[in-house]
Amino acid sequence: MKHEENYLEFKLEPKMNLPITEPKQFQLGFKHILTVFANQSKFEKEAISNLLRNTAFDDCKSIIRRRLGCEHTCPGCGVKCSKPSLHPTEQVKVLPEYCQCQTDECICPDVTYVDCVSHENDYHIPTAFHGERYHETHKPYLHSCYQQWTTVGIHTGDGEIIHPKRLYYNKKHLQWYKNLDNLAKTAPDKDDPCPSEEKRRAWMTVRHYLTAKNKMNDYTDEEYDEMLYPKEFNTIPINFQITWKETKILTVFIYQMTISPVLYFNYHARTKIKRTM
């Protein structure tokens, strides 16, 4: 979204026209409030100020949340749900425990449907950005959530491996299942062996930082195909830290709610700007 569109989206417009018919009385009313406040003790002033500040802050957060939509994120890659903040339930398919179907549609006879608040986003990223790795080698899993949908399994971390991936998301993350199952059938890159160029460049920018943070064993430089994973630009170091110029809590809150970390890192990779915000 362009800056101009962001401005219009959050611009405050007057909703009511309330002319001041008696300006002197209006001014006296405010002077009276100031006089009463001035006569309060320091403790009372701080209590009133804190109450007003907290109330205003909570109201701002509520308005921002409604504007930004649903806060849920994909359990596989961490992208934010693109639906409104409140969206109704819908019918979602529940697969049987024994399902091993590798066809586009599950053909098991015991499929049922339940009402579920279903989240979605048309844009998912490789799950390595969210810390997912191969079980035995601990190397980054550079596929999106919906890729290899019926051909690989997921290790749950407690010794269980659920195969295929479709059954894992249906069993553990039903709210995102419908979206991922649809993308596994319709997404242009559903059968691609590697991520898109934009996502590959983003990964090569942050791989040292994310593999260290998530205790992954990164691939060696030789294991990365130079034609697919270029290494000609600077890579963010392991000890990289974001330095905020604006320390106000509300500003940080807005930024974290609206900007995906992978887009932030990709922005650095493309523009090579200073690593400060």
C-alpha atoms as a PDB file:
ATOM      1  CA  MET A   1       0.000   0.000   0.000  1.00  0.00           C
ATOM      2  CA  LYS A   2       1.350   3.435  -0.923  1.00  0.00           C
ATOM      3  CA  HIS A   3       2.065   6.091   1.696  1.00  0.00           C
ATOM      4  CA  GLU A   4      -0.777   8.221   0.354  1.00  0.00           C
ATOM      5  CA  GLU A   5      -3.210   5.331   0.772  1.00  0.00           C
ATOM      6  CA  ASN A   6      -1.952   4.720   4.312  1.00  0.00           C
ATOM      7  CA  TYR A   7      -2.519   8.385   5.101  1.00  0.00           C
ATOM      8  CA  LEU A   8      -6.073   8.298   3.797  1.00  0.00           C
ATOM      9  CA  GLU A   9      -6.774   5.028   5.612  1.00  0.00           C
ATOM     10  CA  PHE A  10      -5.843   6.444   9.013  1.00  0.00           C
ATOM     11  CA  LYS A  11      -6.786  10.081   8.463  1.00  0.00           C
ATOM     12  CA  LEU A  12      -9.232  11.388  11.066  1.00  0.00           C
ATOM     13  CA  GLU A  13     -12.254  13.117   9.629  1.00  0.00           C
ATOM     14  CA  PRO A  14     -14.776  15.214  11.612  1.00  0.00           C
ATOM     15  CA  LYS A  15     -18.008  13.294  12.112  1.00  0.00           C
ATOM     16  CA  MET A  16     -20.221  15.993  13.677  1.00  0.00           C
ATOM     17  CA  ASN A  17     -20.513  19.734  13.213  1.00  0.00           C
ATOM     18  CA  LEU A  18     -20.951  21.263  16.659  1.00  0.00           C
ATOM     19  CA  PRO A  19     -20.579  25.059  16.484  1.00  0.00           C
ATOM     20  CA  ILE A  20     -19.689  26.884  19.703  1.00  0.00           C
ATOM     21  CA  THR A  21     -22.625  29.224  20.237  1.00  0.00           C
ATOM     22  CA  GLU A  22     -21.273  30.826  23.444  1.00  0.00           C
ATOM     23  CA  PRO A  23     -17.465  31.106  23.151  1.00  0.00           C
ATOM     24  CA  LYS A  24     -16.964  32.893  26.500  1.00  0.00           C
ATOM     25  CA  GLN A  25     -18.866  30.244  28.446  1.00  0.00           C
ATOM     26  CA  PHE A  26     -16.941  27.559  26.557  1.00  0.00           C
ATOM     27  CA  GLN A  27     -13.619  29.162  27.554  1.00  0.00           C
ATOM     28  CA  LEU A  28     -14.712  29.555  31.165  1.00  0.00           C
ATOM     29  CA  GLY A  29     -15.532  25.878  31.311  1.00  0.00           C
ATOM     30  CA  PHE A  30     -12.002  24.932  30.283  1.00  0.00           C
ATOM     31  CA  LYS A  31     -10.503  27.471  32.705  1.00  0.00           C
ATOM     32  CA  HIS A  32     -12.541  25.899  35.479  1.00  0.00           C
ATOM     33  CA  ILE A  33     -11.173  22.437  34.579  1.00  0.00           C
ATOM     34  CA  LEU A  34      -7.607  23.786  34.639  1.00  0.00           C
ATOM     35  CA  THR A  35      -8.202  25.473  37.989  1.00  0.00           C
ATOM     36  CA  VAL A  36      -9.603  22.308  39.564  1.00  0.00           C
ATOM     37  CA  PHE A  37      -6.738  20.240  38.146  1.00  0.00           C
ATOM     38  CA  ALA A  38      -4.139  22.755  39.386  1.00  0.00           C
ATOM     39  CA  ASN A  39      -5.488  22.421  42.932  1.00  0.00           C
ATOM     40  CA  GLN A  40      -5.111  18.623  42.938  1.00  0.00           C
ATOM     41  CA  SER A  41      -2.227  16.992  44.728  1.00  0.00           C
ATOM     42  CA  LYS A  42       0.715  15.604  42.783  1.00  0.00           C
ATOM     43  CA  PHE A  43      -0.511  12.064  43.431  1.00  0.00           C
ATOM     44  CA  GLU A  44      -4.010  12.875  42.128  1.00  0.00           C
ATOM     45  CA  LYS A  45      -2.601  14.589  39.025  1.00  0.00           C
ATOM     46  CA  GLU A  46      -0.455  11.574  38.181  1.00  0.00           C
ATOM     47  CA  ALA A  47      -3.392   9.200  38.758  1.00  0.00           C
ATOM     48  CA  ILE A  48      -5.676  11.220  36.462  1.00  0.00           C
ATOM     49  CA  SER A  49      -2.974  11.569  33.794  1.00  0.00           C
ATOM     50  CA  ASN A  50      -2.226   7.841  33.871  1.00  0.00           C
ATOM     51  CA  LEU A  51      -5.925   7.000  33.636  1.00  0.00           C
ATOM     52  CA  LEU A  52      -6.420   9.272  30.621  1.00  0.00           C
ATOM     53  CA  ARG A  53      -3.223   8.011  28.968  1.00  0.00           C
ATOM     54  CA  ASN A  54      -4.127   4.335  29.446  1.00  0.00           C
ATOM     55  CA  THR A  55      -7.690   4.867  28.251  1.00  0.00           C
ATOM     56  CA  ALA A  56      -6.527   6.712  25.138  1.00  0.00           C
ATOM     57  CA  PHE A  57      -3.866   4.085  24.459  1.00  0.00           C
ATOM     58  CA  ASP A  58      -6.353   1.216  24.744  1.00  0.00           C
ATOM     59  CA  ASP A  59      -8.803   2.998  22.457  1.00  0.00           C
ATOM     60  CA  CYS A  60      -6.052   3.601  19.892  1.00  0.00           C
ATOM     61  CA  LYS A  61      -5.037  -0.065  19.965  1.00  0.00           C
ATOM     62  CA  SER A  62      -8.640  -1.148  19.440  1.00  0.00           C
ATOM     63  CA  ILE A  63      -9.041   1.180  16.455  1.00  0.00           C
ATOM     64  CA  ILE A  64      -5.736   0.053  14.939  1.00  0.00           C
ATOM     65  CA  ARG A  65      -6.618  -3.623  15.367  1.00  0.00           C
ATOM     66  CA  ARG A  66      -9.930  -3.098  13.593  1.00  0.00           C
ATOM     67  CA  ARG A  67      -8.156  -1.274  10.773  1.00  0.00           C
ATOM     68  CA  LEU A  68      -5.422  -3.869  10.386  1.00  0.00           C
ATOM     69  CA  GLY A  69      -7.730  -6.876  10.453  1.00  0.00           C
ATOM     70  CA  CYS A  70      -7.302 -10.325  11.960  1.00  0.00           C
ATOM     71  CA  GLU A  71      -4.175 -10.771  14.097  1.00  0.00           C
ATOM     72  CA  HIS A  72      -3.799 -14.545  13.651  1.00  0.00           C
ATOM     73  CA  THR A  73      -0.645 -15.733  11.887  1.00  0.00           C
ATOM     74  CA  CYS A  74       0.061 -18.870   9.905  1.00  0.00           C
ATOM     75  CA  PRO A  75       1.602 -21.561  12.158  1.00  0.00           C
ATOM     76  CA  GLY A  76       3.871 -22.642   9.319  1.00  0.00           C
ATOM     77  CA  CYS A  77       5.459 -19.434   8.078  1.00  0.00           C
ATOM     78  CA  GLY A  78       4.089 -16.652  10.279  1.00  0.00           C
ATOM     79  CA  VAL A  79       2.254 -14.530   7.698  1.00  0.00           C
ATOM     80  CA  LYS A  80      -0.708 -12.584   9.011  1.00  0.00           C
ATOM     81  CA  CYS A  81      -4.319 -13.451   8.222  1.00  0.00           C
ATOM     82  CA  SER A  82      -5.692 -11.115   5.543  1.00  0.00           C
ATOM     83  CA  LYS A  83      -9.319 -11.278   6.699  1.00  0.00           C
ATOM     84  CA  PRO A  84     -11.115  -8.627   8.811  1.00  0.00           C
ATOM     85  CA  SER A  85     -10.568  -8.657  12.567  1.00  0.00           C
ATOM     86  CA  LEU A  86     -13.841 -10.514  13.122  1.00  0.00           C
ATOM     87  CA  HIS A  87     -14.964 -13.070  10.580  1.00  0.00           C
ATOM     88  CA  PRO A  88     -17.653 -15.736  10.876  1.00  0.00           C
ATOM     89  CA  THR A  89     -17.222 -19.486  11.070  1.00  0.00           C
ATOM     90  CA  GLU A  90     -17.467 -21.646   7.962  1.00  0.00           C
ATOM     91  CA  GLN A  91     -17.544 -25.324   7.108  1.00  0.00           C
ATOM     92  CA  VAL A  92     -14.082 -26.903   7.136  1.00  0.00           C
ATOM     93  CA  LYS A  93     -13.282 -30.491   6.208  1.00  0.00           C
ATOM     94  CA  VAL A  94     -11.945 -32.810   8.933  1.00  0.00           C
ATOM     95  CA  LEU A  95      -9.870 -35.737   7.653  1.00  0.00           C
ATOM     96  CA  PRO A  96      -9.845 -39.148   9.331  1.00  0.00           C
ATOM     97  CA  GLU A  97      -6.791 -40.042  11.444  1.00  0.00           C
ATOM     98  CA  TYR A  98      -5.690 -42.738   9.008  1.00  0.00           C
ATOM     99  CA  CYS A  99      -5.741 -40.547   5.881  1.00  0.00           C
ATOM    100  CA  GLN A 100      -2.689 -41.097   3.681  1.00  0.00           C
ATOM    101  CA  CYS A 101      -4.203 -39.820   0.417  1.00  0.00           C
ATOM    102  CA  GLN A 102      -1.727 -38.349  -2.039  1.00  0.00           C
ATOM    103  CA  THR A 103      -4.366 -37.114  -4.475  1.00  0.00           C
ATOM    104  CA  ASP A 104      -5.538 -33.502  -4.720  1.00  0.00           C
ATOM    105  CA  GLU A 105      -8.707 -34.426  -2.849  1.00  0.00           C
ATOM    106  CA  CYS A 106      -8.915 -36.766   0.122  1.00  0.00           C
ATOM    107  CA  ILE A 107     -10.932 -39.828  -0.938  1.00  0.00           C
ATOM    108  CA  CYS A 108     -11.331 -41.378   2.507  1.00  0.00           C
ATOM    109  CA  PRO A 109     -14.970 -42.348   3.271  1.00  0.00           C
ATOM    110  CA  ASP A 110     -15.037 -40.901   6.808  1.00  0.00           C
ATOM    111  CA  VAL A 111     -14.529 -37.222   5.993  1.00  0.00           C
ATOM    112  CA  THR A 112     -16.671 -34.875   8.111  1.00  0.00           C
ATOM    113  CA  TYR A 113     -17.226 -31.111   8.319  1.00  0.00           C
ATOM    114  CA  VAL A 114     -17.190 -28.762  11.307  1.00  0.00           C
ATOM    115  CA  ASP A 115     -17.812 -25.049  11.859  1.00  0.00           C
ATOM    116  CA  CYS A 116     -14.475 -23.272  12.169  1.00  0.00           C
ATOM    117  CA  VAL A 117     -13.120 -19.715  12.081  1.00  0.00           C
ATOM    118  CA  SER A 118     -10.903 -20.092   9.025  1.00  0.00           C
ATOM    119  CA  HIS A 119      -7.894 -17.820   8.422  1.00  0.00           C
ATOM    120  CA  GLU A 120      -6.205 -17.153   5.114  1.00  0.00           C
ATOM    121  CA  ASN A 121      -3.565 -15.317   3.134  1.00  0.00           C
ATOM    122  CA  ASP A 122      -2.743 -15.717  -0.551  1.00  0.00           C
ATOM    123  CA  TYR A 123       0.942 -14.996   0.128  1.00  0.00           C
ATOM    124  CA  HIS A 124       2.951 -17.503   2.197  1.00  0.00           C
ATOM    125  CA  ILE A 125       6.728 -17.693   2.571  1.00  0.00           C
ATOM    126  CA  PRO A 126       9.180 -20.592   3.072  1.00  0.00           C
ATOM    127  CA  THR A 127       8.704 -21.968   6.563  1.00  0.00           C
ATOM    128  CA  ALA A 128      12.442 -21.673   7.309  1.00  0.00           C
ATOM    129  CA  PHE A 129      11.762 -17.973   7.936  1.00  0.00           C
ATOM    130  CA  HIS A 130       9.629 -19.132  10.859  1.00  0.00           C
ATOM    131  CA  GLY A 131      12.252 -21.591  12.133  1.00  0.00           C
ATOM    132  CA  GLU A 132      11.080 -24.832  10.497  1.00  0.00           C
ATOM    133  CA  ARG A 133      13.834 -27.329   9.689  1.00  0.00           C
ATOM    134  CA  TYR A 134      14.333 -30.922   8.628  1.00  0.00           C
ATOM    135  CA  HIS A 135      14.001 -33.322  11.551  1.00  0.00           C
ATOM    136  CA  GLU A 136      17.284 -35.228  11.288  1.00  0.00           C
ATOM    137  CA  THR A 137      19.671 -32.750   9.655  1.00  0.00           C
ATOM    138  CA  HIS A 138      18.208 -29.580  11.230  1.00  0.00           C
ATOM    139  CA  LYS A 139      18.746 -27.812   7.919  1.00  0.00           C
ATOM    140  CA  PRO A 140      16.309 -25.052   6.795  1.00  0.00           C
ATOM    141  CA  TYR A 141      13.083 -26.200   5.151  1.00  0.00           C
ATOM    142  CA  LEU A 142      12.917 -23.891   2.133  1.00  0.00           C
ATOM    143  CA  HIS A 143       9.400 -24.753   0.982  1.00  0.00           C
ATOM    144  CA  SER A 144       6.138 -22.934   1.621  1.00  0.00           C
ATOM    145  CA  CYS A 145       3.451 -24.383   3.881  1.00  0.00           C
ATOM    146  CA  TYR A 146       1.308 -25.658   1.010  1.00  0.00           C
ATOM    147  CA  GLN A 147       4.135 -27.131  -1.092  1.00  0.00           C
ATOM    148  CA  GLN A 148       4.847 -30.890  -0.890  1.00  0.00           C
ATOM    149  CA  TRP A 149       1.337 -31.013   0.560  1.00  0.00           C
ATOM    150  CA  THR A 150       0.803 -34.755   0.124  1.00  0.00           C
ATOM    151  CA  THR A 151       4.362 -36.073  -0.182  1.00  0.00           C
ATOM    152  CA  VAL A 152       6.164 -35.176   3.070  1.00  0.00           C
ATOM    153  CA  GLY A 153       5.350 -35.465   6.768  1.00  0.00           C
ATOM    154  CA  ILE A 154       5.766 -33.129   9.740  1.00  0.00           C
ATOM    155  CA  HIS A 155       7.623 -34.010  12.933  1.00  0.00           C
ATOM    156  CA  THR A 156       5.581 -32.589  15.810  1.00  0.00           C
ATOM    157  CA  GLY A 157       8.481 -32.355  18.268  1.00  0.00           C
ATOM    158  CA  ASP A 158       7.169 -34.966  20.684  1.00  0.00           C
ATOM    159  CA  GLY A 159       8.296 -37.985  18.706  1.00  0.00           C
ATOM    160  CA  GLU A 160       5.255 -38.094  16.413  1.00  0.00           C
ATOM    161  CA  ILE A 161       5.491 -37.750  12.641  1.00  0.00           C
ATOM    162  CA  ILE A 162       2.226 -36.922  10.883  1.00  0.00           C
ATOM    163  CA  HIS A 163       2.157 -37.824   7.207  1.00  0.00           C
ATOM    164  CA  PRO A 164       1.259 -36.270   4.875  1.00  0.00           C
ATOM    165  CA  LYS A 165       1.642 -32.586   5.626  1.00  0.00           C
ATOM    166  CA  ARG A 166      -2.021 -32.091   4.699  1.00  0.00           C
ATOM    167  CA  LEU A 167      -3.107 -34.330   7.595  1.00  0.00           C
ATOM    168  CA  TYR A 168      -0.787 -32.490   9.998  1.00  0.00           C
ATOM    169  CA  TYR A 169      -2.361 -29.096   9.317  1.00  0.00           C
ATOM    170  CA  ASN A 170      -5.849 -30.589   9.355  1.00  0.00           C
ATOM    171  CA  LYS A 171      -5.201 -32.207  12.731  1.00  0.00           C
ATOM    172  CA  LYS A 172      -3.111 -29.531  14.458  1.00  0.00           C
ATOM    173  CA  HIS A 173      -4.042 -26.237  12.753  1.00  0.00           C
ATOM    174  CA  LEU A 174      -7.536 -26.623  11.347  1.00  0.00           C
ATOM    175  CA  GLN A 175      -8.100 -22.846  11.189  1.00  0.00           C
ATOM    176  CA  TRP A 176      -5.467 -22.553   8.439  1.00  0.00           C
ATOM    177  CA  TYR A 177      -6.165 -25.863   6.709  1.00  0.00           C
ATOM    178  CA  LYS A 178      -8.745 -24.625   4.190  1.00  0.00           C
ATOM    179  CA  ASN A 179      -6.476 -21.831   2.938  1.00  0.00           C
ATOM    180  CA  LEU A 180      -3.386 -24.034   2.599  1.00  0.00           C
ATOM    181  CA  ASP A 181      -5.307 -26.909   1.030  1.00  0.00           C
ATOM    182  CA  ASN A 182      -6.709 -24.523  -1.584  1.00  0.00           C
ATOM    183  CA  LEU A 183      -3.250 -23.084  -2.346  1.00  0.00           C
ATOM    184  CA  ALA A 184      -1.828 -26.604  -2.620  1.00  0.00           C
ATOM    185  CA  LYS A 185      -4.236 -27.091  -5.532  1.00  0.00           C
ATOM    186  CA  THR A 186      -4.261 -23.661  -7.172  1.00  0.00           C
ATOM    187  CA  ALA A 187      -1.120 -21.643  -6.305  1.00  0.00           C
ATOM    188  CA  PRO A 188       1.140 -20.990  -9.340  1.00  0.00           C
ATOM    189  CA  ASP A 189       4.192 -22.226  -7.405  1.00  0.00           C
ATOM    190  CA  LYS A 190       2.533 -25.234  -5.771  1.00  0.00           C
ATOM    191  CA  ASP A 191       4.825 -27.690  -7.605  1.00  0.00           C
ATOM    192  CA  ASP A 192       7.937 -25.510  -7.818  1.00  0.00           C
ATOM    193  CA  PRO A 193      11.082 -27.181  -6.398  1.00  0.00           C
ATOM    194  CA  CYS A 194      12.290 -23.931  -4.803  1.00  0.00           C
ATOM    195  CA  PRO A 195      10.904 -20.544  -3.664  1.00  0.00           C
ATOM    196  CA  SER A 196      10.435 -17.564  -5.964  1.00  0.00           C
ATOM    197  CA  GLU A 197      13.383 -15.259  -6.693  1.00  0.00           C
ATOM    198  CA  GLU A 198      12.166 -12.624  -4.236  1.00  0.00           C
ATOM    199  CA  LYS A 199      11.918 -15.173  -1.416  1.00  0.00           C
ATOM    200  CA  ARG A 200      15.296 -16.734  -2.260  1.00  0.00           C
ATOM    201  CA  ARG A 201      16.993 -13.329  -2.157  1.00  0.00           C
ATOM    202  CA  ALA A 202      15.329 -12.571   1.166  1.00  0.00           C
ATOM    203  CA  TRP A 203      16.485 -15.881   2.596  1.00  0.00           C
ATOM    204  CA  MET A 204      20.100 -15.380   1.491  1.00  0.00           C
ATOM    205  CA  THR A 205      20.028 -11.995   3.209  1.00  0.00           C
ATOM    206  CA  VAL A 206      18.905 -13.293   6.590  1.00  0.00           C
ATOM    207  CA  ARG A 207      20.034 -16.935   6.615  1.00  0.00           C
ATOM    208  CA  HIS A 208      22.992 -16.496   8.997  1.00  0.00           C
ATOM    209  CA  TYR A 209      20.851 -14.608  11.486  1.00  0.00           C
ATOM    210  CA  LEU A 210      17.831 -16.940  11.339  1.00  0.00           C
ATOM    211  CA  THR A 211      19.760 -20.218  11.345  1.00  0.00           C
ATOM    212  CA  ALA A 212      21.624 -19.095  14.465  1.00  0.00           C
ATOM    213  CA  LYS A 213      18.475 -17.790  16.143  1.00  0.00           C
ATOM    214  CA  ASN A 214      16.511 -21.001  15.469  1.00  0.00           C
ATOM    215  CA  LYS A 215      19.480 -23.372  15.997  1.00  0.00           C
ATOM    216  CA  MET A 216      19.429 -24.662  12.439  1.00  0.00           C
ATOM    217  CA  ASN A 217      22.367 -26.144  10.538  1.00  0.00           C
ATOM    218  CA  ASP A 218      22.648 -23.967   7.465  1.00  0.00           C
ATOM    219  CA  TYR A 219      23.590 -25.361   4.089  1.00  0.00           C
ATOM    220  CA  THR A 220      27.164 -24.698   3.018  1.00  0.00           C
ATOM    221  CA  ASP A 221      27.858 -22.129   0.315  1.00  0.00           C
ATOM    222  CA  GLU A 222      28.577 -24.984  -2.079  1.00  0.00           C
ATOM    223  CA  GLU A 223      25.166 -26.557  -1.376  1.00  0.00           C
ATOM    224  CA  TYR A 224      23.372 -23.384  -2.473  1.00  0.00           C
ATOM    225  CA  ASP A 225      22.979 -23.316  -6.252  1.00  0.00           C
ATOM    226  CA  GLU A 226      24.615 -20.048  -7.323  1.00  0.00           C
ATOM    227  CA  MET A 227      22.064 -19.652 -10.125  1.00  0.00           C
ATOM    228  CA  LEU A 228      19.141 -19.828  -7.677  1.00  0.00           C
ATOM    229  CA  TYR A 229      20.617 -18.454  -4.446  1.00  0.00           C
ATOM    230  CA  PRO A 230      22.937 -15.564  -5.357  1.00  0.00           C
ATOM    231  CA  LYS A 231      25.488 -14.472  -2.768  1.00  0.00           C
ATOM    232  CA  GLU A 232      26.670 -11.220  -4.342  1.00  0.00           C
ATOM    233  CA  PHE A 233      25.029  -8.920  -1.774  1.00  0.00           C
ATOM    234  CA  ASN A 234      25.693  -8.342   1.914  1.00  0.00           C
ATOM    235  CA  THR A 235      24.212 -10.837   4.355  1.00  0.00           C
ATOM    236  CA  ILE A 236      22.877  -9.761   7.738  1.00  0.00           C
ATOM    237  CA  PRO A 237      25.288 -10.992  10.447  1.00  0.00           C
ATOM    238  CA  ILE A 238      24.410 -13.436  13.216  1.00  0.00           C
ATOM    239  CA  ASN A 239      24.361 -10.694  15.879  1.00  0.00           C
ATOM    240  CA  PHE A 240      22.141  -8.351  13.829  1.00  0.00           C
ATOM    241  CA  GLN A 241      19.790  -6.186  15.895  1.00  0.00           C
ATOM    242  CA  ILE A 242      17.122  -3.723  14.805  1.00  0.00           C
ATOM    243  CA  THR A 243      17.715  -0.252  16.239  1.00  0.00           C
ATOM    244  CA  TRP A 244      14.573   1.841  16.499  1.00  0.00           C
ATOM    245  CA  LYS A 245      14.756   5.587  16.081  1.00  0.00           C
ATOM    246  CA  GLU A 246      11.231   5.941  17.427  1.00  0.00           C
ATOM    247  CA  THR A 247      10.881   4.331  20.859  1.00  0.00           C
ATOM    248  CA  LYS A 248       7.212   5.108  21.443  1.00  0.00           C
ATOM    249  CA  ILE A 249       5.353   1.905  22.289  1.00  0.00           C
ATOM    250  CA  LEU A 250       2.456   2.657  19.970  1.00  0.00           C
ATOM    251  CA  THR A 251       4.723   3.191  16.956  1.00  0.00           C
ATOM    252  CA  VAL A 252       6.503  -0.122  17.557  1.00  0.00           C
ATOM    253  CA  PHE A 253       3.118  -1.803  17.996  1.00  0.00           C
ATOM    254  CA  ILE A 254       1.872  -0.472  14.650  1.00  0.00           C
ATOM    255  CA  TYR A 255       5.054  -1.494  12.861  1.00  0.00           C
ATOM    256  CA  GLN A 256       5.033  -5.034  14.236  1.00  0.00           C
ATOM    257  CA  MET A 257       1.377  -5.442  13.296  1.00  0.00           C
ATOM    258  CA  THR A 258       1.766  -4.232   9.720  1.00  0.00           C
ATOM    259  CA  ILE A 259       5.202  -5.190   8.411  1.00  0.00           C
ATOM    260  CA  SER A 260       6.276  -8.798   7.904  1.00  0.00           C
ATOM    261  CA  PRO A 261       9.900  -9.414   9.022  1.00  0.00           C
ATOM    262  CA  VAL A 262      10.729 -11.105   5.742  1.00  0.00           C
ATOM    263  CA  LEU A 263       9.571  -8.035   3.776  1.00  0.00           C
ATOM    264  CA  TYR A 264      11.683  -5.836   6.051  1.00  0.00           C
ATOM    265  CA  PHE A 265      14.765  -7.969   5.453  1.00  0.00           C
ATOM    266  CA  ASN A 266      14.054  -8.185   1.733  1.00  0.00           C
ATOM    267  CA  TYR A 267      13.767  -4.410   1.639  1.00  0.00           C
ATOM    268  CA  HIS A 268      17.288  -4.186   3.062  1.00  0.00           C
ATOM    269  CA  ALA A 269      18.559  -6.675   0.511  1.00  0.00           C
ATOM    270  CA  ARG A 270      17.162  -4.699  -2.396  1.00  0.00           C
ATOM    271  CA  THR A 271      18.033  -1.175  -1.317  1.00  0.00           C
ATOM    272  CA  LYS A 272      21.127  -1.716   0.869  1.00  0.00           C
ATOM    273  CA  ILE A 273      20.058   1.046   3.232  1.00  0.00           C
ATOM    274  CA  LYS A 274      21.463   1.445   6.731  1.00  0.00           C
ATOM    275  CA  ARG A 275      20.313  -1.212   9.177  1.00  0.00           C
ATOM    276  CA  THR A 276      18.492   1.220  11.436  1.00  0.00           C
ATOM    277  CA  MET A 277      14.859   2.140  11.731  1.00  0.00           C
END
